[in-house]
Amino acid sequence: MPSADSMRAPTEAEIDAAETRLDRKFHPDYRAFLRGGGDVAGAKFVEDNGDYFCIADCGEVVYWSHNGSTDERWPSLTEWHRQVCLERK
């Protein structure tokens, strides 16, 4: 079970350190997601039943299905969250 500390939102310094460690700049949408309580140690994707949603460097979210290629994509993390997480419930 995760500890309370591992579930807290990362600080700006921790996000900066993750960028340095990974040698890449995070898209502003992804930084906002992390500040909202995302896991700073996690990757830039979400897994769902063997399928993946990945945030590209440009901020676009791309869907990778285990059943084959797909053209599903969203222009931003905000739009992906609205359509996939809020509207599909």
PDB file of N, CA and C in Angstrom:
ATOM      1  N   MET A   1       0.845  -1.175   0.000  1.00  0.00           N
ATOM      2  CA  MET A   1       0.000   0.000   0.000  1.00  0.00           C
ATOM      3  C   MET A   1       0.890   1.237   0.000  1.00  0.00           C
ATOM      4  N   PRO A   2       0.579   2.221  -0.881  1.00  0.00           N
ATOM      5  CA  PRO A   2       1.389   3.438  -0.921  1.00  0.00           C
ATOM      6  C   PRO A   2       1.298   4.218   0.381  1.00  0.00           C
ATOM      7  N   SER A   3       2.393   4.864   0.743  1.00  0.00           N
ATOM      8  CA  SER A   3       2.386   5.699   1.946  1.00  0.00           C
ATOM      9  C   SER A   3       1.737   7.034   1.628  1.00  0.00           C
ATOM     10  N   ALA A   4       1.346   7.761   2.657  1.00  0.00           N
ATOM     11  CA  ALA A   4       0.738   9.078   2.468  1.00  0.00           C
ATOM     12  C   ALA A   4       1.706  10.008   1.760  1.00  0.00           C
ATOM     13  N   ASP A   5       3.013   9.888   2.067  1.00  0.00           N
ATOM     14  CA  ASP A   5       4.004  10.744   1.436  1.00  0.00           C
ATOM     15  C   ASP A   5       4.122  10.465  -0.058  1.00  0.00           C
ATOM     16  N   SER A   6       3.978   9.202  -0.474  1.00  0.00           N
ATOM     17  CA  SER A   6       4.106   8.881  -1.895  1.00  0.00           C
ATOM     18  C   SER A   6       2.888   9.343  -2.690  1.00  0.00           C
ATOM     19  N   MET A   7       1.794   9.688  -2.019  1.00  0.00           N
ATOM     20  CA  MET A   7       0.584  10.129  -2.699  1.00  0.00           C
ATOM     21  C   MET A   7       0.460  11.649  -2.744  1.00  0.00           C
ATOM     22  N   ARG A   8       1.395  12.371  -2.127  1.00  0.00           N
ATOM     23  CA  ARG A   8       1.320  13.825  -2.120  1.00  0.00           C
ATOM     24  C   ARG A   8       1.737  14.374  -3.481  1.00  0.00           C
ATOM     25  N   ALA A   9       1.294  15.592  -3.768  1.00  0.00           N
ATOM     26  CA  ALA A   9       1.708  16.260  -5.000  1.00  0.00           C
ATOM     27  C   ALA A   9       3.185  16.619  -4.900  1.00  0.00           C
ATOM     28  N   PRO A  10       3.942  16.448  -5.972  1.00  0.00           N
ATOM     29  CA  PRO A  10       5.360  16.797  -5.928  1.00  0.00           C
ATOM     30  C   PRO A  10       5.556  18.303  -5.918  1.00  0.00           C
ATOM     31  N   THR A  11       6.676  18.717  -5.398  1.00  0.00           N
ATOM     32  CA  THR A  11       7.032  20.133  -5.397  1.00  0.00           C
ATOM     33  C   THR A  11       7.588  20.507  -6.773  1.00  0.00           C
ATOM     34  N   GLU A  12       7.674  21.820  -7.019  1.00  0.00           N
ATOM     35  CA  GLU A  12       8.288  22.288  -8.272  1.00  0.00           C
ATOM     36  C   GLU A  12       9.731  21.769  -8.376  1.00  0.00           C
ATOM     37  N   ALA A  13      10.441  21.768  -7.241  1.00  0.00           N
ATOM     38  CA  ALA A  13      11.833  21.287  -7.240  1.00  0.00           C
ATOM     39  C   ALA A  13      11.899  19.810  -7.610  1.00  0.00           C
ATOM     40  N   GLU A  14      10.949  19.014  -7.141  1.00  0.00           N
ATOM     41  CA  GLU A  14      10.932  17.589  -7.477  1.00  0.00           C
ATOM     42  C   GLU A  14      10.604  17.374  -8.960  1.00  0.00           C
ATOM     43  N   ILE A  15       9.697  18.186  -9.491  1.00  0.00           N
ATOM     44  CA  ILE A  15       9.382  18.084 -10.925  1.00  0.00           C
ATOM     45  C   ILE A  15      10.605  18.485 -11.743  1.00  0.00           C
ATOM     46  N   ASP A  16      11.266  19.569 -11.346  1.00  0.00           N
ATOM     47  CA  ASP A  16      12.489  19.995 -12.030  1.00  0.00           C
ATOM     48  C   ASP A  16      13.544  18.892 -11.983  1.00  0.00           C
ATOM     49  N   ALA A  17      13.690  18.250 -10.834  1.00  0.00           N
ATOM     50  CA  ALA A  17      14.677  17.174 -10.678  1.00  0.00           C
ATOM     51  C   ALA A  17      14.336  15.989 -11.582  1.00  0.00           C
ATOM     52  N   ALA A  18      13.055  15.675 -11.711  1.00  0.00           N
ATOM     53  CA  ALA A  18      12.640  14.581 -12.596  1.00  0.00           C
ATOM     54  C   ALA A  18      12.972  14.926 -14.048  1.00  0.00           C
ATOM     55  N   GLU A  19      12.734  16.177 -14.437  1.00  0.00           N
ATOM     56  CA  GLU A  19      13.094  16.607 -15.794  1.00  0.00           C
ATOM     57  C   GLU A  19      14.596  16.447 -16.029  1.00  0.00           C
ATOM     58  N   THR A  20      15.384  16.850 -15.059  1.00  0.00           N
ATOM     59  CA  THR A  20      16.835  16.743 -15.176  1.00  0.00           C
ATOM     60  C   THR A  20      17.255  15.280 -15.263  1.00  0.00           C
ATOM     61  N   ARG A  21      16.699  14.457 -14.398  1.00  0.00           N
ATOM     62  CA  ARG A  21      17.038  13.035 -14.370  1.00  0.00           C
ATOM     63  C   ARG A  21      16.684  12.352 -15.687  1.00  0.00           C
ATOM     64  N   LEU A  22      15.546  12.733 -16.282  1.00  0.00           N
ATOM     65  CA  LEU A  22      15.093  12.128 -17.539  1.00  0.00           C
ATOM     66  C   LEU A  22      15.628  12.856 -18.776  1.00  0.00           C
ATOM     67  N   ASP A  23      16.323  13.975 -18.545  1.00  0.00           N
ATOM     68  CA  ASP A  23      16.911  14.783 -19.614  1.00  0.00           C
ATOM     69  C   ASP A  23      15.867  15.218 -20.639  1.00  0.00           C
ATOM     70  N   ARG A  24      14.730  15.730 -20.127  1.00  0.00           N
ATOM     71  CA  ARG A  24      13.686  16.267 -21.011  1.00  0.00           C
ATOM     72  C   ARG A  24      12.797  17.221 -20.247  1.00  0.00           C
ATOM     73  N   LYS A  25      12.225  18.157 -20.977  1.00  0.00           N
ATOM     74  CA  LYS A  25      11.289  19.119 -20.399  1.00  0.00           C
ATOM     75  C   LYS A  25       9.887  18.554 -20.521  1.00  0.00           C
ATOM     76  N   PHE A  26       9.114  18.634 -19.446  1.00  0.00           N
ATOM     77  CA  PHE A  26       7.731  18.180 -19.477  1.00  0.00           C
ATOM     78  C   PHE A  26       6.834  19.251 -20.086  1.00  0.00           C
ATOM     79  N   HIS A  27       5.828  18.830 -20.794  1.00  0.00           N
ATOM     80  CA  HIS A  27       4.842  19.751 -21.336  1.00  0.00           C
ATOM     81  C   HIS A  27       4.128  20.436 -20.163  1.00  0.00           C
ATOM     82  N   PRO A  28       3.732  21.703 -20.314  1.00  0.00           N
ATOM     83  CA  PRO A  28       3.048  22.406 -19.216  1.00  0.00           C
ATOM     84  C   PRO A  28       1.796  21.673 -18.706  1.00  0.00           C
ATOM     85  N   ASP A  29       1.047  21.013 -19.585  1.00  0.00           N
ATOM     86  CA  ASP A  29      -0.119  20.239 -19.141  1.00  0.00           C
ATOM     87  C   ASP A  29       0.294  19.112 -18.201  1.00  0.00           C
ATOM     88  N   TYR A  30       1.415  18.451 -18.523  1.00  0.00           N
ATOM     89  CA  TYR A  30       1.883  17.351 -17.688  1.00  0.00           C
ATOM     90  C   TYR A  30       2.389  17.880 -16.346  1.00  0.00           C
ATOM     91  N   ARG A  31       3.079  19.023 -16.368  1.00  0.00           N
ATOM     92  CA  ARG A  31       3.523  19.631 -15.103  1.00  0.00           C
ATOM     93  C   ARG A  31       2.316  19.961 -14.232  1.00  0.00           C
ATOM     94  N   ALA A  32       1.253  20.499 -14.844  1.00  0.00           N
ATOM     95  CA  ALA A  32       0.036  20.820 -14.081  1.00  0.00           C
ATOM     96  C   ALA A  32      -0.582  19.554 -13.511  1.00  0.00           C
ATOM     97  N   PHE A  33      -0.589  18.469 -14.290  1.00  0.00           N
ATOM     98  CA  PHE A  33      -1.096  17.183 -13.805  1.00  0.00           C
ATOM     99  C   PHE A  33      -0.298  16.719 -12.594  1.00  0.00           C
ATOM    100  N   LEU A  34       1.018  16.808 -12.691  1.00  0.00           N
ATOM    101  CA  LEU A  34       1.863  16.396 -11.571  1.00  0.00           C
ATOM    102  C   LEU A  34       1.600  17.239 -10.334  1.00  0.00           C
ATOM    103  N   ARG A  35       1.484  18.554 -10.513  1.00  0.00           N
ATOM    104  CA  ARG A  35       1.225  19.441  -9.372  1.00  0.00           C
ATOM    105  C   ARG A  35      -0.130  19.152  -8.745  1.00  0.00           C
ATOM    106  N   GLY A  36      -1.042  18.565  -9.516  1.00  0.00           N
ATOM    107  CA  GLY A  36      -2.361  18.226  -9.001  1.00  0.00           C
ATOM    108  C   GLY A  36      -2.394  16.913  -8.239  1.00  0.00           C
ATOM    109  N   GLY A  37      -1.251  16.262  -8.097  1.00  0.00           N
ATOM    110  CA  GLY A  37      -1.210  15.037  -7.306  1.00  0.00           C
ATOM    111  C   GLY A  37      -0.760  13.814  -8.063  1.00  0.00           C
ATOM    112  N   GLY A  38      -0.276  13.988  -9.300  1.00  0.00           N
ATOM    113  CA  GLY A  38       0.254  12.850 -10.042  1.00  0.00           C
ATOM    114  C   GLY A  38       1.556  12.383  -9.423  1.00  0.00           C
ATOM    115  N   ASP A  39       1.996  11.216  -9.790  1.00  0.00           N
ATOM    116  CA  ASP A  39       3.213  10.621  -9.232  1.00  0.00           C
ATOM    117  C   ASP A  39       4.428  11.085 -10.032  1.00  0.00           C
ATOM    118  N   VAL A  40       5.297  11.886  -9.413  1.00  0.00           N
ATOM    119  CA  VAL A  40       6.463  12.416 -10.111  1.00  0.00           C
ATOM    120  C   VAL A  40       7.409  11.317 -10.557  1.00  0.00           C
ATOM    121  N   ALA A  41       7.361  10.144  -9.915  1.00  0.00           N
ATOM    122  CA  ALA A  41       8.240   9.041 -10.312  1.00  0.00           C
ATOM    123  C   ALA A  41       7.654   8.257 -11.474  1.00  0.00           C
ATOM    124  N   GLY A  42       6.391   8.476 -11.781  1.00  0.00           N
ATOM    125  CA  GLY A  42       5.736   7.704 -12.831  1.00  0.00           C
ATOM    126  C   GLY A  42       6.151   8.142 -14.220  1.00  0.00           C
ATOM    127  N   ALA A  43       5.806   7.316 -15.180  1.00  0.00           N
ATOM    128  CA  ALA A  43       6.123   7.612 -16.571  1.00  0.00           C
ATOM    129  C   ALA A  43       5.101   8.577 -17.156  1.00  0.00           C
ATOM    130  N   LYS A  44       5.292   8.927 -18.408  1.00  0.00           N
ATOM    131  CA  LYS A  44       4.403   9.872 -19.065  1.00  0.00           C
ATOM    132  C   LYS A  44       3.268   9.136 -19.785  1.00  0.00           C
ATOM    133  N   PHE A  45       2.759   8.074 -19.173  1.00  0.00           N
ATOM    134  CA  PHE A  45       1.653   7.360 -19.777  1.00  0.00           C
ATOM    135  C   PHE A  45       0.757   6.774 -18.711  1.00  0.00           C
ATOM    136  N   VAL A  46      -0.464   6.423 -19.126  1.00  0.00           N
ATOM    137  CA  VAL A  46      -1.428   5.771 -18.248  1.00  0.00           C
ATOM    138  C   VAL A  46      -1.791   4.446 -18.895  1.00  0.00           C
ATOM    139  N   GLU A  47      -1.744   3.353 -18.143  1.00  0.00           N
ATOM    140  CA  GLU A  47      -2.085   2.030 -18.652  1.00  0.00           C
ATOM    141  C   GLU A  47      -3.508   1.691 -18.245  1.00  0.00           C
ATOM    142  N   ASP A  48      -4.271   1.134 -19.180  1.00  0.00           N
ATOM    143  CA  ASP A  48      -5.644   0.729 -18.915  1.00  0.00           C
ATOM    144  C   ASP A  48      -5.898  -0.595 -19.603  1.00  0.00           C
ATOM    145  N   ASN A  49      -5.860  -1.700 -18.851  1.00  0.00           N
ATOM    146  CA  ASN A  49      -6.167  -3.028 -19.383  1.00  0.00           C
ATOM    147  C   ASN A  49      -5.302  -3.390 -20.586  1.00  0.00           C
ATOM    148  N   GLY A  50      -4.027  -3.067 -20.530  1.00  0.00           N
ATOM    149  CA  GLY A  50      -3.106  -3.390 -21.612  1.00  0.00           C
ATOM    150  C   GLY A  50      -3.059  -2.359 -22.719  1.00  0.00           C
ATOM    151  N   ASP A  51      -3.847  -1.323 -22.619  1.00  0.00           N
ATOM    152  CA  ASP A  51      -3.823  -0.206 -23.570  1.00  0.00           C
ATOM    153  C   ASP A  51      -3.124   0.964 -22.882  1.00  0.00           C
ATOM    154  N   TYR A  52      -2.593   1.887 -23.673  1.00  0.00           N
ATOM    155  CA  TYR A  52      -1.844   2.999 -23.095  1.00  0.00           C
ATOM    156  C   TYR A  52      -2.286   4.336 -23.669  1.00  0.00           C
ATOM    157  N   PHE A  53      -2.305   5.337 -22.814  1.00  0.00           N
ATOM    158  CA  PHE A  53      -2.480   6.727 -23.204  1.00  0.00           C
ATOM    159  C   PHE A  53      -1.143   7.397 -22.891  1.00  0.00           C
ATOM    160  N   CYS A  54      -0.548   8.022 -23.890  1.00  0.00           N
ATOM    161  CA  CYS A  54       0.777   8.617 -23.728  1.00  0.00           C
ATOM    162  C   CYS A  54       0.721  10.099 -24.072  1.00  0.00           C
ATOM    163  N   ILE A  55       1.333  10.935 -23.253  1.00  0.00           N
ATOM    164  CA  ILE A  55       1.402  12.360 -23.561  1.00  0.00           C
ATOM    165  C   ILE A  55       2.709  12.625 -24.307  1.00  0.00           C
ATOM    166  N   ALA A  56       2.570  13.151 -25.521  1.00  0.00           N
ATOM    167  CA  ALA A  56       3.725  13.459 -26.359  1.00  0.00           C
ATOM    168  C   ALA A  56       4.368  14.761 -25.899  1.00  0.00           C
ATOM    169  N   ASP A  57       5.580  15.003 -26.348  1.00  0.00           N
ATOM    170  CA  ASP A  57       6.284  16.229 -25.977  1.00  0.00           C
ATOM    171  C   ASP A  57       5.505  17.478 -26.356  1.00  0.00           C
ATOM    172  N   CYS A  58       4.710  17.401 -27.416  1.00  0.00           N
ATOM    173  CA  CYS A  58       3.935  18.565 -27.867  1.00  0.00           C
ATOM    174  C   CYS A  58       2.672  18.770 -27.032  1.00  0.00           C
ATOM    175  N   GLY A  59       2.358  17.824 -26.125  1.00  0.00           N
ATOM    176  CA  GLY A  59       1.179  17.944 -25.270  1.00  0.00           C
ATOM    177  C   GLY A  59       0.000  17.125 -25.731  1.00  0.00           C
ATOM    178  N   GLU A  60       0.072  16.570 -26.936  1.00  0.00           N
ATOM    179  CA  GLU A  60      -1.001  15.734 -27.464  1.00  0.00           C
ATOM    180  C   GLU A  60      -1.006  14.390 -26.730  1.00  0.00           C
ATOM    181  N   VAL A  61      -2.197  13.836 -26.477  1.00  0.00           N
ATOM    182  CA  VAL A  61      -2.322  12.519 -25.860  1.00  0.00           C
ATOM    183  C   VAL A  61      -2.658  11.519 -26.962  1.00  0.00           C
ATOM    184  N   VAL A  62      -1.882  10.444 -27.020  1.00  0.00           N
ATOM    185  CA  VAL A  62      -2.019   9.428 -28.055  1.00  0.00           C
ATOM    186  C   VAL A  62      -2.437   8.119 -27.400  1.00  0.00           C
ATOM    187  N   TYR A  63      -3.344   7.395 -28.043  1.00  0.00           N
ATOM    188  CA  TYR A  63      -3.832   6.105 -27.540  1.00  0.00           C
ATOM    189  C   TYR A  63      -3.118   4.977 -28.266  1.00  0.00           C
ATOM    190  N   TRP A  64      -2.540   4.044 -27.518  1.00  0.00           N
ATOM    191  CA  TRP A  64      -1.914   2.847 -28.070  1.00  0.00           C
ATOM    192  C   TRP A  64      -2.697   1.647 -27.577  1.00  0.00           C
ATOM    193  N   SER A  65      -3.339   0.929 -28.495  1.00  0.00           N
ATOM    194  CA  SER A  65      -4.150  -0.233 -28.135  1.00  0.00           C
ATOM    195  C   SER A  65      -3.344  -1.517 -28.277  1.00  0.00           C
ATOM    196  N   HIS A  66      -3.569  -2.457 -27.368  1.00  0.00           N
ATOM    197  CA  HIS A  66      -2.916  -3.767 -27.481  1.00  0.00           C
ATOM    198  C   HIS A  66      -3.527  -4.581 -28.628  1.00  0.00           C
ATOM    199  N   ASN A  67      -4.652  -4.137 -29.177  1.00  0.00           N
ATOM    200  CA  ASN A  67      -5.305  -4.833 -30.293  1.00  0.00           C
ATOM    201  C   ASN A  67      -4.796  -4.361 -31.658  1.00  0.00           C
ATOM    202  N   GLY A  68      -3.929  -3.408 -31.701  1.00  0.00           N
ATOM    203  CA  GLY A  68      -3.412  -2.908 -32.969  1.00  0.00           C
ATOM    204  C   GLY A  68      -3.403  -1.396 -33.005  1.00  0.00           C
ATOM    205  N   SER A  69      -2.998  -0.863 -34.145  1.00  0.00           N
ATOM    206  CA  SER A  69      -2.869   0.584 -34.248  1.00  0.00           C
ATOM    207  C   SER A  69      -4.223   1.274 -34.226  1.00  0.00           C
ATOM    208  N   THR A  70      -4.188   2.511 -33.789  1.00  0.00           N
ATOM    209  CA  THR A  70      -5.388   3.330 -33.697  1.00  0.00           C
ATOM    210  C   THR A  70      -5.014   4.781 -33.971  1.00  0.00           C
ATOM    211  N   ASP A  71      -5.966   5.547 -34.431  1.00  0.00           N
ATOM    212  CA  ASP A  71      -5.726   6.968 -34.694  1.00  0.00           C
ATOM    213  C   ASP A  71      -6.274   7.849 -33.589  1.00  0.00           C
ATOM    214  N   GLU A  72      -6.728   7.255 -32.470  1.00  0.00           N
ATOM    215  CA  GLU A  72      -7.304   8.059 -31.386  1.00  0.00           C
ATOM    216  C   GLU A  72      -6.232   8.932 -30.747  1.00  0.00           C
ATOM    217  N   ARG A  73      -6.554  10.217 -30.637  1.00  0.00           N
ATOM    218  CA  ARG A  73      -5.648  11.176 -30.008  1.00  0.00           C
ATOM    219  C   ARG A  73      -6.445  12.387 -29.572  1.00  0.00           C
ATOM    220  N   TRP A  74      -5.896  13.119 -28.624  1.00  0.00           N
ATOM    221  CA  TRP A  74      -6.532  14.313 -28.065  1.00  0.00           C
ATOM    222  C   TRP A  74      -5.500  15.430 -28.092  1.00  0.00           C
ATOM    223  N   PRO A  75      -5.921  16.670 -28.331  1.00  0.00           N
ATOM    224  CA  PRO A  75      -4.964  17.763 -28.469  1.00  0.00           C
ATOM    225  C   PRO A  75      -4.251  18.165 -27.177  1.00  0.00           C
ATOM    226  N   SER A  76      -4.813  17.771 -26.030  1.00  0.00           N
ATOM    227  CA  SER A  76      -4.202  18.163 -24.751  1.00  0.00           C
ATOM    228  C   SER A  76      -4.608  17.181 -23.655  1.00  0.00           C
ATOM    229  N   LEU A  77      -3.868  17.212 -22.568  1.00  0.00           N
ATOM    230  CA  LEU A  77      -4.193  16.387 -21.412  1.00  0.00           C
ATOM    231  C   LEU A  77      -5.549  16.783 -20.844  1.00  0.00           C
ATOM    232  N   THR A  78      -5.849  18.076 -20.860  1.00  0.00           N
ATOM    233  CA  THR A  78      -7.138  18.565 -20.365  1.00  0.00           C
ATOM    234  C   THR A  78      -8.286  17.995 -21.180  1.00  0.00           C
ATOM    235  N   GLU A  79      -8.154  18.011 -22.511  1.00  0.00           N
ATOM    236  CA  GLU A  79      -9.210  17.484 -23.387  1.00  0.00           C
ATOM    237  C   GLU A  79      -9.343  15.968 -23.233  1.00  0.00           C
ATOM    238  N   TRP A  80      -8.210  15.258 -23.121  1.00  0.00           N
ATOM    239  CA  TRP A  80      -8.248  13.813 -22.898  1.00  0.00           C
ATOM    240  C   TRP A  80      -8.988  13.504 -21.592  1.00  0.00           C
ATOM    241  N   HIS A  81      -8.656  14.217 -20.531  1.00  0.00           N
ATOM    242  CA  HIS A  81      -9.287  13.982 -19.236  1.00  0.00           C
ATOM    243  C   HIS A  81     -10.785  14.229 -19.311  1.00  0.00           C
ATOM    244  N   ARG A  82     -11.175  15.308 -19.979  1.00  0.00           N
ATOM    245  CA  ARG A  82     -12.597  15.616 -20.121  1.00  0.00           C
ATOM    246  C   ARG A  82     -13.338  14.513 -20.867  1.00  0.00           C
ATOM    247  N   GLN A  83     -12.794  14.092 -22.022  1.00  0.00           N
ATOM    248  CA  GLN A  83     -13.492  13.115 -22.851  1.00  0.00           C
ATOM    249  C   GLN A  83     -13.408  11.687 -22.311  1.00  0.00           C
ATOM    250  N   VAL A  84     -12.243  11.284 -21.866  1.00  0.00           N
ATOM    251  CA  VAL A  84     -12.039   9.888 -21.455  1.00  0.00           C
ATOM    252  C   VAL A  84     -12.425   9.633 -20.008  1.00  0.00           C
ATOM    253  N   CYS A  85     -12.072  10.531 -19.123  1.00  0.00           N
ATOM    254  CA  CYS A  85     -12.292  10.292 -17.697  1.00  0.00           C
ATOM    255  C   CYS A  85     -13.640  10.812 -17.207  1.00  0.00           C
ATOM    256  N   LEU A  86     -14.098  11.928 -17.729  1.00  0.00           N
ATOM    257  CA  LEU A  86     -15.320  12.524 -17.213  1.00  0.00           C
ATOM    258  C   LEU A  86     -16.560  12.141 -18.026  1.00  0.00           C
ATOM    259  N   GLU A  87     -16.470  12.203 -19.349  1.00  0.00           N
ATOM    260  CA  GLU A  87     -17.640  11.965 -20.187  1.00  0.00           C
ATOM    261  C   GLU A  87     -17.959  10.505 -20.417  1.00  0.00           C
ATOM    262  N   ARG A  88     -17.004   9.606 -20.292  1.00  0.00           N
ATOM    263  CA  ARG A  88     -17.248   8.173 -20.557  1.00  0.00           C
ATOM    264  C   ARG A  88     -17.791   7.434 -19.344  1.00  0.00           C
ATOM    265  N   LYS A  89     -17.966   8.109 -18.242  1.00  0.00           N
ATOM    266  CA  LYS A  89     -18.440   7.426 -17.023  1.00  0.00           C
ATOM    267  C   LYS A  89     -19.912   7.153 -17.101  1.00  0.00           C
TER     268      LYS A  89
END
